[in-house]
Amino acid sequence: MIRAIILAFSLLLATANCTSEQFYNAIRDNRIQDCENLPIPQQDHCRSLYQTTYEEYARDLEELQAEQQQ
């Protein structure tokens, strides 16, 4: 977990000019790549946890924000 946070912060610094979508995709791709370090029987499940596209993420975020304002 600490490794992921450090990596995320490093990516943030390295991609300061990137869009939110590019940043989201970079983090997601890195997490999917980390799945390769797991035992083979667990890799598919791990990868399935990170299949949300940026568009789906943004839509879900907007819905949650709208619910919180009510």
C-alpha atoms as a PDB file:
ATOM      1  CA  MET A   1       0.000   0.000   0.000  1.00  0.00           C
ATOM      2  CA  ILE A   2       2.792   2.429   0.886  1.00  0.00           C
ATOM      3  CA  ARG A   3       4.480   1.565  -2.396  1.00  0.00           C
ATOM      4  CA  ALA A   4       1.309   2.428  -4.301  1.00  0.00           C
ATOM      5  CA  ILE A   5       0.990   5.766  -2.515  1.00  0.00           C
ATOM      6  CA  ILE A   6       4.611   6.664  -3.218  1.00  0.00           C
ATOM      7  CA  LEU A   7       4.203   5.638  -6.836  1.00  0.00           C
ATOM      8  CA  ALA A   8       0.991   7.634  -7.154  1.00  0.00           C
ATOM      9  CA  PHE A   9       2.680  10.724  -5.728  1.00  0.00           C
ATOM     10  CA  SER A  10       5.649  10.246  -8.061  1.00  0.00           C
ATOM     11  CA  LEU A  11       3.323   9.928 -11.018  1.00  0.00           C
ATOM     12  CA  LEU A  12       1.529  13.072  -9.920  1.00  0.00           C
ATOM     13  CA  LEU A  13       4.766  15.021  -9.897  1.00  0.00           C
ATOM     14  CA  ALA A  14       5.925  13.540 -13.176  1.00  0.00           C
ATOM     15  CA  THR A  15       2.618  14.160 -14.903  1.00  0.00           C
ATOM     16  CA  ALA A  16       1.792  17.638 -13.600  1.00  0.00           C
ATOM     17  CA  ASN A  17       0.734  18.692 -17.091  1.00  0.00           C
ATOM     18  CA  CYS A  18      -1.401  15.624 -17.702  1.00  0.00           C
ATOM     19  CA  THR A  19      -5.165  15.638 -17.625  1.00  0.00           C
ATOM     20  CA  SER A  20      -7.148  13.925 -14.901  1.00  0.00           C
ATOM     21  CA  GLU A  21      -7.981  11.161 -17.356  1.00  0.00           C
ATOM     22  CA  GLN A  22      -4.326  10.540 -18.183  1.00  0.00           C
ATOM     23  CA  PHE A  23      -3.449  10.469 -14.493  1.00  0.00           C
ATOM     24  CA  TYR A  24      -6.330   8.080 -13.707  1.00  0.00           C
ATOM     25  CA  ASN A  25      -5.288   5.756 -16.538  1.00  0.00           C
ATOM     26  CA  ALA A  26      -1.626   5.799 -15.471  1.00  0.00           C
ATOM     27  CA  ILE A  27      -2.522   4.798 -11.914  1.00  0.00           C
ATOM     28  CA  ARG A  28      -4.956   2.141 -13.116  1.00  0.00           C
ATOM     29  CA  ASP A  29      -2.423   0.686 -15.549  1.00  0.00           C
ATOM     30  CA  ASN A  30       0.196   0.562 -12.814  1.00  0.00           C
ATOM     31  CA  ARG A  31      -2.150  -1.293 -10.484  1.00  0.00           C
ATOM     32  CA  ILE A  32      -2.986  -3.774 -13.235  1.00  0.00           C
ATOM     33  CA  GLN A  33       0.734  -4.282 -13.818  1.00  0.00           C
ATOM     34  CA  ASP A  34       1.203  -4.935 -10.083  1.00  0.00           C
ATOM     35  CA  CYS A  35      -1.274  -7.804 -10.429  1.00  0.00           C
ATOM     36  CA  GLU A  36       1.419  -9.656 -12.357  1.00  0.00           C
ATOM     37  CA  ASN A  37       3.363 -10.005  -9.086  1.00  0.00           C
ATOM     38  CA  LEU A  38       0.616 -12.126  -7.549  1.00  0.00           C
ATOM     39  CA  PRO A  39       0.310 -15.895  -7.890  1.00  0.00           C
ATOM     40  CA  ILE A  40      -1.219 -16.791 -11.246  1.00  0.00           C
ATOM     41  CA  PRO A  41      -4.581 -17.962  -9.797  1.00  0.00           C
ATOM     42  CA  GLN A  42      -5.099 -14.492  -8.255  1.00  0.00           C
ATOM     43  CA  GLN A  43      -4.030 -12.372 -11.243  1.00  0.00           C
ATOM     44  CA  ASP A  44      -7.326 -12.397 -13.159  1.00  0.00           C
ATOM     45  CA  HIS A  45      -9.306 -11.361 -10.096  1.00  0.00           C
ATOM     46  CA  CYS A  46      -6.813  -8.607  -9.334  1.00  0.00           C
ATOM     47  CA  ARG A  47      -6.984  -7.239 -12.889  1.00  0.00           C
ATOM     48  CA  SER A  48     -10.787  -7.330 -12.788  1.00  0.00           C
ATOM     49  CA  LEU A  49     -10.714  -4.875  -9.872  1.00  0.00           C
ATOM     50  CA  TYR A  50      -9.236  -2.182 -12.117  1.00  0.00           C
ATOM     51  CA  GLN A  51     -11.385  -2.383 -15.238  1.00  0.00           C
ATOM     52  CA  THR A  52     -13.392   0.808 -14.622  1.00  0.00           C
ATOM     53  CA  THR A  53     -12.803   3.296 -17.426  1.00  0.00           C
ATOM     54  CA  TYR A  54     -12.234   6.958 -16.694  1.00  0.00           C
ATOM     55  CA  GLU A  55     -15.640   7.776 -18.161  1.00  0.00           C
ATOM     56  CA  GLU A  56     -17.324   5.315 -15.772  1.00  0.00           C
ATOM     57  CA  TYR A  57     -15.296   6.678 -12.872  1.00  0.00           C
ATOM     58  CA  ALA A  58     -16.191  10.293 -13.707  1.00  0.00           C
ATOM     59  CA  ARG A  59     -19.890   9.434 -14.060  1.00  0.00           C
ATOM     60  CA  ASP A  60     -19.926   7.591 -10.727  1.00  0.00           C
ATOM     61  CA  LEU A  61     -18.126  10.470  -9.050  1.00  0.00           C
ATOM     62  CA  GLU A  62     -20.662  12.978 -10.381  1.00  0.00           C
ATOM     63  CA  GLU A  63     -23.526  10.791  -9.118  1.00  0.00           C
ATOM     64  CA  LEU A  64     -21.976  10.549  -5.653  1.00  0.00           C
ATOM     65  CA  GLN A  65     -21.407  14.288  -5.499  1.00  0.00           C
ATOM     66  CA  ALA A  66     -25.024  14.925  -6.540  1.00  0.00           C
ATOM     67  CA  GLU A  67     -26.263  12.548  -3.814  1.00  0.00           C
ATOM     68  CA  GLN A  68     -24.153  14.310  -1.182  1.00  0.00           C
ATOM     69  CA  GLN A  69     -25.628  17.696  -2.115  1.00  0.00           C
ATOM     70  CA  GLN A  70     -29.191  16.490  -1.528  1.00  0.00           C
END
